[in-house]
Amino acid sequence: SNDLKKDGSQFLLDWLISIRERGLVK
């Protein structure tokens, strides 16, 4: 979870949300 507290973590969060929206993960 520390990866969500680093500089630029919004890139990670946005990507995670996108893979769910695209159906790659539920």
mmCIF file of all heavy atoms, coordinates in Angstrom:
data_MODEL
# 
_entry.id   MODEL 
# 
loop_
_atom_site.group_PDB 
_atom_site.id 
_atom_site.type_symbol 
_atom_site.label_atom_id 
_atom_site.label_alt_id 
_atom_site.label_comp_id 
_atom_site.label_asym_id 
_atom_site.label_entity_id 
_atom_site.label_seq_id 
_atom_site.pdbx_PDB_ins_code 
_atom_site.Cartn_x 
_atom_site.Cartn_y 
_atom_site.Cartn_z 
_atom_site.occupancy 
_atom_site.B_iso_or_equiv 
_atom_site.pdbx_formal_charge 
_atom_site.auth_seq_id 
_atom_site.auth_comp_id 
_atom_site.auth_asym_id 
_atom_site.auth_atom_id 
_atom_site.pdbx_PDB_model_num 
ATOM 1   N N   . SER A 1 1  ? 0.826   -1.209  0.000   1.00 0.00 ? 1  SER A N   1 
ATOM 2   C CA  . SER A 1 1  ? 0.000   0.000   0.000   1.00 0.00 ? 1  SER A CA  1 
ATOM 3   C C   . SER A 1 1  ? 0.860   1.259   0.000   1.00 0.00 ? 1  SER A C   1 
ATOM 4   O O   . SER A 1 1  ? 0.387   2.346   -0.337  1.00 0.00 ? 1  SER A O   1 
ATOM 5   C CB  . SER A 1 1  ? -0.915  0.004   1.224   1.00 0.00 ? 1  SER A CB  1 
ATOM 6   O OG  . SER A 1 1  ? -0.152  0.009   2.424   1.00 0.00 ? 1  SER A OG  1 
ATOM 7   N N   . ASN A 1 2  ? 2.144   1.122   0.355   1.00 0.00 ? 2  ASN A N   1 
ATOM 8   C CA  . ASN A 1 2  ? 3.049   2.268   0.359   1.00 0.00 ? 2  ASN A CA  1 
ATOM 9   C C   . ASN A 1 2  ? 3.210   2.864   -1.037  1.00 0.00 ? 2  ASN A C   1 
ATOM 10  O O   . ASN A 1 2  ? 3.533   4.050   -1.188  1.00 0.00 ? 2  ASN A O   1 
ATOM 11  C CB  . ASN A 1 2  ? 4.420   1.846   0.893   1.00 0.00 ? 2  ASN A CB  1 
ATOM 12  C CG  . ASN A 1 2  ? 5.350   3.021   1.129   1.00 0.00 ? 2  ASN A CG  1 
ATOM 13  O OD1 . ASN A 1 2  ? 4.988   3.974   1.808   1.00 0.00 ? 2  ASN A OD1 1 
ATOM 14  N ND2 . ASN A 1 2  ? 6.545   2.968   0.552   1.00 0.00 ? 2  ASN A ND2 1 
ATOM 15  N N   . ASP A 1 3  ? 2.956   2.055   -2.071  1.00 0.00 ? 3  ASP A N   1 
ATOM 16  C CA  . ASP A 1 3  ? 3.048   2.566   -3.439  1.00 0.00 ? 3  ASP A CA  1 
ATOM 17  C C   . ASP A 1 3  ? 1.998   3.642   -3.705  1.00 0.00 ? 3  ASP A C   1 
ATOM 18  O O   . ASP A 1 3  ? 2.165   4.450   -4.627  1.00 0.00 ? 3  ASP A O   1 
ATOM 19  C CB  . ASP A 1 3  ? 2.906   1.424   -4.447  1.00 0.00 ? 3  ASP A CB  1 
ATOM 20  C CG  . ASP A 1 3  ? 4.162   0.575   -4.540  1.00 0.00 ? 3  ASP A CG  1 
ATOM 21  O OD1 . ASP A 1 3  ? 5.261   1.101   -4.275  1.00 0.00 ? 3  ASP A OD1 1 
ATOM 22  O OD2 . ASP A 1 3  ? 4.055   -0.620  -4.869  1.00 0.00 ? 3  ASP A OD2 1 
ATOM 23  N N   . LEU A 1 4  ? 0.932   3.645   -2.921  1.00 0.00 ? 4  LEU A N   1 
ATOM 24  C CA  . LEU A 1 4  ? -0.102  4.677   -3.081  1.00 0.00 ? 4  LEU A CA  1 
ATOM 25  C C   . LEU A 1 4  ? 0.245   5.960   -2.340  1.00 0.00 ? 4  LEU A C   1 
ATOM 26  O O   . LEU A 1 4  ? -0.525  6.923   -2.367  1.00 0.00 ? 4  LEU A O   1 
ATOM 27  C CB  . LEU A 1 4  ? -1.452  4.152   -2.572  1.00 0.00 ? 4  LEU A CB  1 
ATOM 28  C CG  . LEU A 1 4  ? -2.123  3.075   -3.433  1.00 0.00 ? 4  LEU A CG  1 
ATOM 29  C CD1 . LEU A 1 4  ? -3.352  2.531   -2.724  1.00 0.00 ? 4  LEU A CD1 1 
ATOM 30  C CD2 . LEU A 1 4  ? -2.502  3.635   -4.801  1.00 0.00 ? 4  LEU A CD2 1 
ATOM 31  N N   . LYS A 1 5  ? 1.390   5.972   -1.658  1.00 0.00 ? 5  LYS A N   1 
ATOM 32  C CA  . LYS A 1 5  ? 1.797   7.145   -0.888  1.00 0.00 ? 5  LYS A CA  1 
ATOM 33  C C   . LYS A 1 5  ? 3.041   7.817   -1.471  1.00 0.00 ? 5  LYS A C   1 
ATOM 34  O O   . LYS A 1 5  ? 3.587   8.744   -0.879  1.00 0.00 ? 5  LYS A O   1 
ATOM 35  C CB  . LYS A 1 5  ? 2.046   6.726   0.567   1.00 0.00 ? 5  LYS A CB  1 
ATOM 36  C CG  . LYS A 1 5  ? 0.828   6.087   1.216   1.00 0.00 ? 5  LYS A CG  1 
ATOM 37  C CD  . LYS A 1 5  ? 1.118   5.529   2.596   1.00 0.00 ? 5  LYS A CD  1 
ATOM 38  C CE  . LYS A 1 5  ? -0.087  4.790   3.159   1.00 0.00 ? 5  LYS A CE  1 
ATOM 39  N NZ  . LYS A 1 5  ? 0.150   4.210   4.499   1.00 0.00 ? 5  LYS A NZ  1 
ATOM 40  N N   . LYS A 1 6  ? 3.478   7.352   -2.646  1.00 0.00 ? 6  LYS A N   1 
ATOM 41  C CA  . LYS A 1 6  ? 4.648   7.921   -3.301  1.00 0.00 ? 6  LYS A CA  1 
ATOM 42  C C   . LYS A 1 6  ? 4.257   9.076   -4.211  1.00 0.00 ? 6  LYS A C   1 
ATOM 43  O O   . LYS A 1 6  ? 3.097   9.196   -4.619  1.00 0.00 ? 6  LYS A O   1 
ATOM 44  C CB  . LYS A 1 6  ? 5.356   6.840   -4.121  1.00 0.00 ? 6  LYS A CB  1 
ATOM 45  C CG  . LYS A 1 6  ? 5.927   5.697   -3.309  1.00 0.00 ? 6  LYS A CG  1 
ATOM 46  C CD  . LYS A 1 6  ? 6.535   4.634   -4.201  1.00 0.00 ? 6  LYS A CD  1 
ATOM 47  C CE  . LYS A 1 6  ? 7.144   3.489   -3.394  1.00 0.00 ? 6  LYS A CE  1 
ATOM 48  N NZ  . LYS A 1 6  ? 7.694   2.426   -4.274  1.00 0.00 ? 6  LYS A NZ  1 
ATOM 49  N N   . ASP A 1 7  ? 5.214   9.923   -4.549  1.00 0.00 ? 7  ASP A N   1 
ATOM 50  C CA  . ASP A 1 7  ? 4.975   10.968  -5.538  1.00 0.00 ? 7  ASP A CA  1 
ATOM 51  C C   . ASP A 1 7  ? 4.562   10.312  -6.845  1.00 0.00 ? 7  ASP A C   1 
ATOM 52  O O   . ASP A 1 7  ? 5.168   9.321   -7.282  1.00 0.00 ? 7  ASP A O   1 
ATOM 53  C CB  . ASP A 1 7  ? 6.243   11.800  -5.758  1.00 0.00 ? 7  ASP A CB  1 
ATOM 54  C CG  . ASP A 1 7  ? 6.583   12.681  -4.565  1.00 0.00 ? 7  ASP A CG  1 
ATOM 55  O OD1 . ASP A 1 7  ? 5.689   12.916  -3.732  1.00 0.00 ? 7  ASP A OD1 1 
ATOM 56  O OD2 . ASP A 1 7  ? 7.754   13.116  -4.463  1.00 0.00 ? 7  ASP A OD2 1 
ATOM 57  N N   . GLY A 1 8  ? 3.535   10.856  -7.463  1.00 0.00 ? 8  GLY A N   1 
ATOM 58  C CA  . GLY A 1 8  ? 3.050   10.299  -8.720  1.00 0.00 ? 8  GLY A CA  1 
ATOM 59  C C   . GLY A 1 8  ? 2.135   9.099   -8.546  1.00 0.00 ? 8  GLY A C   1 
ATOM 60  O O   . GLY A 1 8  ? 1.826   8.411   -9.524  1.00 0.00 ? 8  GLY A O   1 
ATOM 61  N N   . SER A 1 9  ? 1.701   8.851   -7.317  1.00 0.00 ? 9  SER A N   1 
ATOM 62  C CA  . SER A 1 9  ? 0.846   7.683   -7.070  1.00 0.00 ? 9  SER A CA  1 
ATOM 63  C C   . SER A 1 9  ? -0.490  7.784   -7.806  1.00 0.00 ? 9  SER A C   1 
ATOM 64  O O   . SER A 1 9  ? -1.152  6.755   -8.019  1.00 0.00 ? 9  SER A O   1 
ATOM 65  C CB  . SER A 1 9  ? 0.600   7.515   -5.571  1.00 0.00 ? 9  SER A CB  1 
ATOM 66  O OG  . SER A 1 9  ? -0.069  8.644   -5.024  1.00 0.00 ? 9  SER A OG  1 
ATOM 67  N N   . GLN A 1 10 ? -0.876  8.996   -8.213  1.00 0.00 ? 10 GLN A N   1 
ATOM 68  C CA  . GLN A 1 10 ? -2.134  9.141   -8.944  1.00 0.00 ? 10 GLN A CA  1 
ATOM 69  C C   . GLN A 1 10 ? -2.076  8.396   -10.270 1.00 0.00 ? 10 GLN A C   1 
ATOM 70  O O   . GLN A 1 10 ? -3.102  7.881   -10.744 1.00 0.00 ? 10 GLN A O   1 
ATOM 71  C CB  . GLN A 1 10 ? -2.438  10.624  -9.189  1.00 0.00 ? 10 GLN A CB  1 
ATOM 72  C CG  . GLN A 1 10 ? -3.859  10.890  -9.672  1.00 0.00 ? 10 GLN A CG  1 
ATOM 73  C CD  . GLN A 1 10 ? -4.924  10.477  -8.663  1.00 0.00 ? 10 GLN A CD  1 
ATOM 74  O OE1 . GLN A 1 10 ? -4.786  10.716  -7.467  1.00 0.00 ? 10 GLN A OE1 1 
ATOM 75  N NE2 . GLN A 1 10 ? -6.001  9.856   -9.148  1.00 0.00 ? 10 GLN A NE2 1 
ATOM 76  N N   . PHE A 1 11 ? -0.878  8.306   -10.864 1.00 0.00 ? 11 PHE A N   1 
ATOM 77  C CA  . PHE A 1 11 ? -0.731  7.524   -12.095 1.00 0.00 ? 11 PHE A CA  1 
ATOM 78  C C   . PHE A 1 11 ? -1.096  6.055   -11.835 1.00 0.00 ? 11 PHE A C   1 
ATOM 79  O O   . PHE A 1 11 ? -1.772  5.421   -12.637 1.00 0.00 ? 11 PHE A O   1 
ATOM 80  C CB  . PHE A 1 11 ? 0.705   7.611   -12.623 1.00 0.00 ? 11 PHE A CB  1 
ATOM 81  C CG  . PHE A 1 11 ? 1.083   8.944   -13.176 1.00 0.00 ? 11 PHE A CG  1 
ATOM 82  C CD1 . PHE A 1 11 ? 2.078   9.700   -12.585 1.00 0.00 ? 11 PHE A CD1 1 
ATOM 83  C CD2 . PHE A 1 11 ? 0.448   9.451   -14.311 1.00 0.00 ? 11 PHE A CD2 1 
ATOM 84  C CE1 . PHE A 1 11 ? 2.435   10.937  -13.097 1.00 0.00 ? 11 PHE A CE1 1 
ATOM 85  C CE2 . PHE A 1 11 ? 0.798   10.693  -14.831 1.00 0.00 ? 11 PHE A CE2 1 
ATOM 86  C CZ  . PHE A 1 11 ? 1.795   11.438  -14.217 1.00 0.00 ? 11 PHE A CZ  1 
ATOM 87  N N   . LEU A 1 12 ? -0.620  5.541   -10.702 1.00 0.00 ? 12 LEU A N   1 
ATOM 88  C CA  . LEU A 1 12 ? -0.901  4.150   -10.339 1.00 0.00 ? 12 LEU A CA  1 
ATOM 89  C C   . LEU A 1 12 ? -2.382  3.953   -10.069 1.00 0.00 ? 12 LEU A C   1 
ATOM 90  O O   . LEU A 1 12 ? -3.000  2.997   -10.565 1.00 0.00 ? 12 LEU A O   1 
ATOM 91  C CB  . LEU A 1 12 ? -0.078  3.748   -9.119  1.00 0.00 ? 12 LEU A CB  1 
ATOM 92  C CG  . LEU A 1 12 ? -0.347  2.356   -8.542  1.00 0.00 ? 12 LEU A CG  1 
ATOM 93  C CD1 . LEU A 1 12 ? -0.126  1.267   -9.590  1.00 0.00 ? 12 LEU A CD1 1 
ATOM 94  C CD2 . LEU A 1 12 ? 0.515   2.097   -7.306  1.00 0.00 ? 12 LEU A CD2 1 
ATOM 95  N N   . LEU A 1 13 ? -2.959  4.844   -9.282  1.00 0.00 ? 13 LEU A N   1 
ATOM 96  C CA  . LEU A 1 13 ? -4.371  4.717   -8.940  1.00 0.00 ? 13 LEU A CA  1 
ATOM 97  C C   . LEU A 1 13 ? -5.252  4.814   -10.182 1.00 0.00 ? 13 LEU A C   1 
ATOM 98  O O   . LEU A 1 13 ? -6.183  4.009   -10.370 1.00 0.00 ? 13 LEU A O   1 
ATOM 99  C CB  . LEU A 1 13 ? -4.769  5.791   -7.931  1.00 0.00 ? 13 LEU A CB  1 
ATOM 100 C CG  . LEU A 1 13 ? -6.226  5.766   -7.458  1.00 0.00 ? 13 LEU A CG  1 
ATOM 101 C CD1 . LEU A 1 13 ? -6.564  4.432   -6.815  1.00 0.00 ? 13 LEU A CD1 1 
ATOM 102 C CD2 . LEU A 1 13 ? -6.486  6.911   -6.482  1.00 0.00 ? 13 LEU A CD2 1 
ATOM 103 N N   . ASP A 1 14 ? -4.964  5.778   -11.050 1.00 0.00 ? 14 ASP A N   1 
ATOM 104 C CA  . ASP A 1 14 ? -5.754  5.928   -12.279 1.00 0.00 ? 14 ASP A CA  1 
ATOM 105 C C   . ASP A 1 14 ? -5.653  4.683   -13.145 1.00 0.00 ? 14 ASP A C   1 
ATOM 106 O O   . ASP A 1 14 ? -6.640  4.243   -13.752 1.00 0.00 ? 14 ASP A O   1 
ATOM 107 C CB  . ASP A 1 14 ? -5.269  7.148   -13.074 1.00 0.00 ? 14 ASP A CB  1 
ATOM 108 C CG  . ASP A 1 14 ? -5.651  8.461   -12.414 1.00 0.00 ? 14 ASP A CG  1 
ATOM 109 O OD1 . ASP A 1 14 ? -6.491  8.446   -11.484 1.00 0.00 ? 14 ASP A OD1 1 
ATOM 110 O OD2 . ASP A 1 14 ? -5.093  9.511   -12.807 1.00 0.00 ? 14 ASP A OD2 1 
ATOM 111 N N   . TRP A 1 15 ? -4.449  4.081   -13.212 1.00 0.00 ? 15 TRP A N   1 
ATOM 112 C CA  . TRP A 1 15 ? -4.271  2.868   -14.026 1.00 0.00 ? 15 TRP A CA  1 
ATOM 113 C C   . TRP A 1 15 ? -5.058  1.708   -13.429 1.00 0.00 ? 15 TRP A C   1 
ATOM 114 O O   . TRP A 1 15 ? -5.717  0.954   -14.156 1.00 0.00 ? 15 TRP A O   1 
ATOM 115 C CB  . TRP A 1 15 ? -2.788  2.509   -14.114 1.00 0.00 ? 15 TRP A CB  1 
ATOM 116 C CG  . TRP A 1 15 ? -2.562  1.232   -14.865 1.00 0.00 ? 15 TRP A CG  1 
ATOM 117 C CD1 . TRP A 1 15 ? -2.681  1.024   -16.211 1.00 0.00 ? 15 TRP A CD1 1 
ATOM 118 C CD2 . TRP A 1 15 ? -2.197  -0.031  -14.285 1.00 0.00 ? 15 TRP A CD2 1 
ATOM 119 N NE1 . TRP A 1 15 ? -2.416  -0.292  -16.516 1.00 0.00 ? 15 TRP A NE1 1 
ATOM 120 C CE2 . TRP A 1 15 ? -2.102  -0.965  -15.359 1.00 0.00 ? 15 TRP A CE2 1 
ATOM 121 C CE3 . TRP A 1 15 ? -1.922  -0.465  -12.993 1.00 0.00 ? 15 TRP A CE3 1 
ATOM 122 C CZ2 . TRP A 1 15 ? -1.770  -2.301  -15.159 1.00 0.00 ? 15 TRP A CZ2 1 
ATOM 123 C CZ3 . TRP A 1 15 ? -1.585  -1.793  -12.787 1.00 0.00 ? 15 TRP A CZ3 1 
ATOM 124 C CH2 . TRP A 1 15 ? -1.511  -2.695  -13.861 1.00 0.00 ? 15 TRP A CH2 1 
ATOM 125 N N   . LEU A 1 16 ? -5.014  1.559   -12.106 1.00 0.00 ? 16 LEU A N   1 
ATOM 126 C CA  . LEU A 1 16 ? -5.763  0.483   -11.461 1.00 0.00 ? 16 LEU A CA  1 
ATOM 127 C C   . LEU A 1 16 ? -7.261  0.614   -11.726 1.00 0.00 ? 16 LEU A C   1 
ATOM 128 O O   . LEU A 1 16 ? -7.945  -0.362  -12.039 1.00 0.00 ? 16 LEU A O   1 
ATOM 129 C CB  . LEU A 1 16 ? -5.499  0.489   -9.954  1.00 0.00 ? 16 LEU A CB  1 
ATOM 130 C CG  . LEU A 1 16 ? -4.106  0.044   -9.503  1.00 0.00 ? 16 LEU A CG  1 
ATOM 131 C CD1 . LEU A 1 16 ? -3.920  0.339   -8.012  1.00 0.00 ? 16 LEU A CD1 1 
ATOM 132 C CD2 . LEU A 1 16 ? -3.893  -1.437  -9.782  1.00 0.00 ? 16 LEU A CD2 1 
ATOM 133 N N   . ILE A 1 17 ? -7.759  1.826   -11.614 1.00 0.00 ? 17 ILE A N   1 
ATOM 134 C CA  . ILE A 1 17 ? -9.181  2.060   -11.879 1.00 0.00 ? 17 ILE A CA  1 
ATOM 135 C C   . ILE A 1 17 ? -9.502  1.743   -13.335 1.00 0.00 ? 17 ILE A C   1 
ATOM 136 O O   . ILE A 1 17 ? -10.546 1.155   -13.652 1.00 0.00 ? 17 ILE A O   1 
ATOM 137 C CB  . ILE A 1 17 ? -9.556  3.511   -11.529 1.00 0.00 ? 17 ILE A CB  1 
ATOM 138 C CG1 . ILE A 1 17 ? -9.464  3.730   -10.003 1.00 0.00 ? 17 ILE A CG1 1 
ATOM 139 C CG2 . ILE A 1 17 ? -10.958 3.850   -12.030 1.00 0.00 ? 17 ILE A CG2 1 
ATOM 140 C CD1 . ILE A 1 17 ? -9.629  5.170   -9.573  1.00 0.00 ? 17 ILE A CD1 1 
ATOM 141 N N   . SER A 1 18 ? -8.568  2.082   -14.234 1.00 0.00 ? 18 SER A N   1 
ATOM 142 C CA  . SER A 1 18 ? -8.819  1.870   -15.662 1.00 0.00 ? 18 SER A CA  1 
ATOM 143 C C   . SER A 1 18 ? -8.858  0.389   -16.024 1.00 0.00 ? 18 SER A C   1 
ATOM 144 O O   . SER A 1 18 ? -9.659  -0.020  -16.877 1.00 0.00 ? 18 SER A O   1 
ATOM 145 C CB  . SER A 1 18 ? -7.753  2.576   -16.509 1.00 0.00 ? 18 SER A CB  1 
ATOM 146 O OG  . SER A 1 18 ? -6.543  1.832   -16.565 1.00 0.00 ? 18 SER A OG  1 
ATOM 147 N N   . ILE A 1 19 ? -8.010  -0.436  -15.396 1.00 0.00 ? 19 ILE A N   1 
ATOM 148 C CA  . ILE A 1 19 ? -8.020  -1.862  -15.762 1.00 0.00 ? 19 ILE A CA  1 
ATOM 149 C C   . ILE A 1 19 ? -9.308  -2.527  -15.278 1.00 0.00 ? 19 ILE A C   1 
ATOM 150 O O   . ILE A 1 19 ? -9.762  -3.515  -15.857 1.00 0.00 ? 19 ILE A O   1 
ATOM 151 C CB  . ILE A 1 19 ? -6.775  -2.617  -15.230 1.00 0.00 ? 19 ILE A CB  1 
ATOM 152 C CG1 . ILE A 1 19 ? -6.696  -2.585  -13.703 1.00 0.00 ? 19 ILE A CG1 1 
ATOM 153 C CG2 . ILE A 1 19 ? -5.514  -2.059  -15.869 1.00 0.00 ? 19 ILE A CG2 1 
ATOM 154 C CD1 . ILE A 1 19 ? -5.533  -3.406  -13.126 1.00 0.00 ? 19 ILE A CD1 1 
ATOM 155 N N   . ARG A 1 20 ? -9.885  -1.981  -14.231 1.00 0.00 ? 20 ARG A N   1 
ATOM 156 C CA  . ARG A 1 20 ? -11.192 -2.481  -13.785 1.00 0.00 ? 20 ARG A CA  1 
ATOM 157 C C   . ARG A 1 20 ? -12.285 -2.026  -14.750 1.00 0.00 ? 20 ARG A C   1 
ATOM 158 O O   . ARG A 1 20 ? -13.151 -2.819  -15.138 1.00 0.00 ? 20 ARG A O   1 
ATOM 159 C CB  . ARG A 1 20 ? -11.488 -1.995  -12.374 1.00 0.00 ? 20 ARG A CB  1 
ATOM 160 C CG  . ARG A 1 20 ? -12.839 -2.458  -11.843 1.00 0.00 ? 20 ARG A CG  1 
ATOM 161 C CD  . ARG A 1 20 ? -13.039 -2.105  -10.387 1.00 0.00 ? 20 ARG A CD  1 
ATOM 162 N NE  . ARG A 1 20 ? -14.359 -2.489  -9.948  1.00 0.00 ? 20 ARG A NE  1 
ATOM 163 C CZ  . ARG A 1 20 ? -15.340 -1.644  -9.647  1.00 0.00 ? 20 ARG A CZ  1 
ATOM 164 N NH1 . ARG A 1 20 ? -15.144 -0.346  -9.709  1.00 0.00 ? 20 ARG A NH1 1 
ATOM 165 N NH2 . ARG A 1 20 ? -16.524 -2.090  -9.265  1.00 0.00 ? 20 ARG A NH2 1 
ATOM 166 N N   . GLU A 1 21 ? -12.232 -0.772  -15.158 1.00 0.00 ? 21 GLU A N   1 
ATOM 167 C CA  . GLU A 1 21 ? -13.238 -0.244  -16.074 1.00 0.00 ? 21 GLU A CA  1 
ATOM 168 C C   . GLU A 1 21 ? -13.179 -0.937  -17.431 1.00 0.00 ? 21 GLU A C   1 
ATOM 169 O O   . GLU A 1 21 ? -14.208 -1.105  -18.100 1.00 0.00 ? 21 GLU A O   1 
ATOM 170 C CB  . GLU A 1 21 ? -13.045 1.264   -16.247 1.00 0.00 ? 21 GLU A CB  1 
ATOM 171 C CG  . GLU A 1 21 ? -13.386 2.067   -14.991 1.00 0.00 ? 21 GLU A CG  1 
ATOM 172 C CD  . GLU A 1 21 ? -13.083 3.542   -15.130 1.00 0.00 ? 21 GLU A CD  1 
ATOM 173 O OE1 . GLU A 1 21 ? -12.301 3.905   -16.055 1.00 0.00 ? 21 GLU A OE1 1 
ATOM 174 O OE2 . GLU A 1 21 ? -13.605 4.338   -14.325 1.00 0.00 ? 21 GLU A OE2 1 
ATOM 175 N N   . ARG A 1 22 ? -11.976 -1.374  -17.822 1.00 0.00 ? 22 ARG A N   1 
ATOM 176 C CA  . ARG A 1 22 ? -11.802 -2.050  -19.114 1.00 0.00 ? 22 ARG A CA  1 
ATOM 177 C C   . ARG A 1 22 ? -12.067 -3.552  -19.039 1.00 0.00 ? 22 ARG A C   1 
ATOM 178 O O   . ARG A 1 22 ? -11.962 -4.264  -20.035 1.00 0.00 ? 22 ARG A O   1 
ATOM 179 C CB  . ARG A 1 22 ? -10.391 -1.795  -19.648 1.00 0.00 ? 22 ARG A CB  1 
ATOM 180 C CG  . ARG A 1 22 ? -10.179 -0.388  -20.168 1.00 0.00 ? 22 ARG A CG  1 
ATOM 181 C CD  . ARG A 1 22 ? -8.770  -0.213  -20.705 1.00 0.00 ? 22 ARG A CD  1 
ATOM 182 N NE  . ARG A 1 22 ? -7.774  -0.083  -19.638 1.00 0.00 ? 22 ARG A NE  1 
ATOM 183 C CZ  . ARG A 1 22 ? -6.554  -0.594  -19.693 1.00 0.00 ? 22 ARG A CZ  1 
ATOM 184 N NH1 . ARG A 1 22 ? -6.177  -1.314  -20.738 1.00 0.00 ? 22 ARG A NH1 1 
ATOM 185 N NH2 . ARG A 1 22 ? -5.702  -0.414  -18.702 1.00 0.00 ? 22 ARG A NH2 1 
ATOM 186 N N   . GLY A 1 23 ? -12.360 -4.051  -17.830 1.00 0.00 ? 23 GLY A N   1 
ATOM 187 C CA  . GLY A 1 23 ? -12.709 -5.459  -17.678 1.00 0.00 ? 23 GLY A CA  1 
ATOM 188 C C   . GLY A 1 23 ? -11.537 -6.415  -17.609 1.00 0.00 ? 23 GLY A C   1 
ATOM 189 O O   . GLY A 1 23 ? -11.730 -7.629  -17.677 1.00 0.00 ? 23 GLY A O   1 
ATOM 190 N N   . LEU A 1 24 ? -10.308 -5.896  -17.466 1.00 0.00 ? 24 LEU A N   1 
ATOM 191 C CA  . LEU A 1 24 ? -9.149  -6.777  -17.316 1.00 0.00 ? 24 LEU A CA  1 
ATOM 192 C C   . LEU A 1 24 ? -9.156  -7.427  -15.933 1.00 0.00 ? 24 LEU A C   1 
ATOM 193 O O   . LEU A 1 24 ? -8.627  -8.524  -15.753 1.00 0.00 ? 24 LEU A O   1 
ATOM 194 C CB  . LEU A 1 24 ? -7.846  -6.002  -17.530 1.00 0.00 ? 24 LEU A CB  1 
ATOM 195 C CG  . LEU A 1 24 ? -7.642  -5.435  -18.937 1.00 0.00 ? 24 LEU A CG  1 
ATOM 196 C CD1 . LEU A 1 24 ? -6.354  -4.615  -19.009 1.00 0.00 ? 24 LEU A CD1 1 
ATOM 197 C CD2 . LEU A 1 24 ? -7.606  -6.558  -19.969 1.00 0.00 ? 24 LEU A CD2 1 
ATOM 198 N N   . VAL A 1 25 ? -9.735  -6.735  -14.957 1.00 0.00 ? 25 VAL A N   1 
ATOM 199 C CA  . VAL A 1 25 ? -9.927  -7.279  -13.612 1.00 0.00 ? 25 VAL A CA  1 
ATOM 200 C C   . VAL A 1 25 ? -11.334 -6.909  -13.148 1.00 0.00 ? 25 VAL A C   1 
ATOM 201 O O   . VAL A 1 25 ? -11.903 -5.910  -13.582 1.00 0.00 ? 25 VAL A O   1 
ATOM 202 C CB  . VAL A 1 25 ? -8.870  -6.731  -12.609 1.00 0.00 ? 25 VAL A CB  1 
ATOM 203 C CG1 . VAL A 1 25 ? -7.459  -7.002  -13.095 1.00 0.00 ? 25 VAL A CG1 1 
ATOM 204 C CG2 . VAL A 1 25 ? -9.073  -5.248  -12.344 1.00 0.00 ? 25 VAL A CG2 1 
ATOM 205 N N   . LYS A 1 26 ? -11.893 -7.749  -12.288 1.00 0.00 ? 26 LYS A N   1 
ATOM 206 C CA  . LYS A 1 26 ? -13.211 -7.445  -11.735 1.00 0.00 ? 26 LYS A CA  1 
ATOM 207 C C   . LYS A 1 26 ? -13.109 -6.472  -10.571 1.00 0.00 ? 26 LYS A C   1 
ATOM 208 O O   . LYS A 1 26 ? -13.945 -5.577  -10.414 1.00 0.00 ? 26 LYS A O   1 
ATOM 209 C CB  . LYS A 1 26 ? -13.901 -8.722  -11.258 1.00 0.00 ? 26 LYS A CB  1 
ATOM 210 C CG  . LYS A 1 26 ? -14.466 -9.602  -12.354 1.00 0.00 ? 26 LYS A CG  1 
ATOM 211 C CD  . LYS A 1 26 ? -15.224 -10.773 -11.745 1.00 0.00 ? 26 LYS A CD  1 
ATOM 212 C CE  . LYS A 1 26 ? -15.795 -11.689 -12.815 1.00 0.00 ? 26 LYS A CE  1 
ATOM 213 N NZ  . LYS A 1 26 ? -16.519 -12.844 -12.212 1.00 0.00 ? 26 LYS A NZ  1 
# 
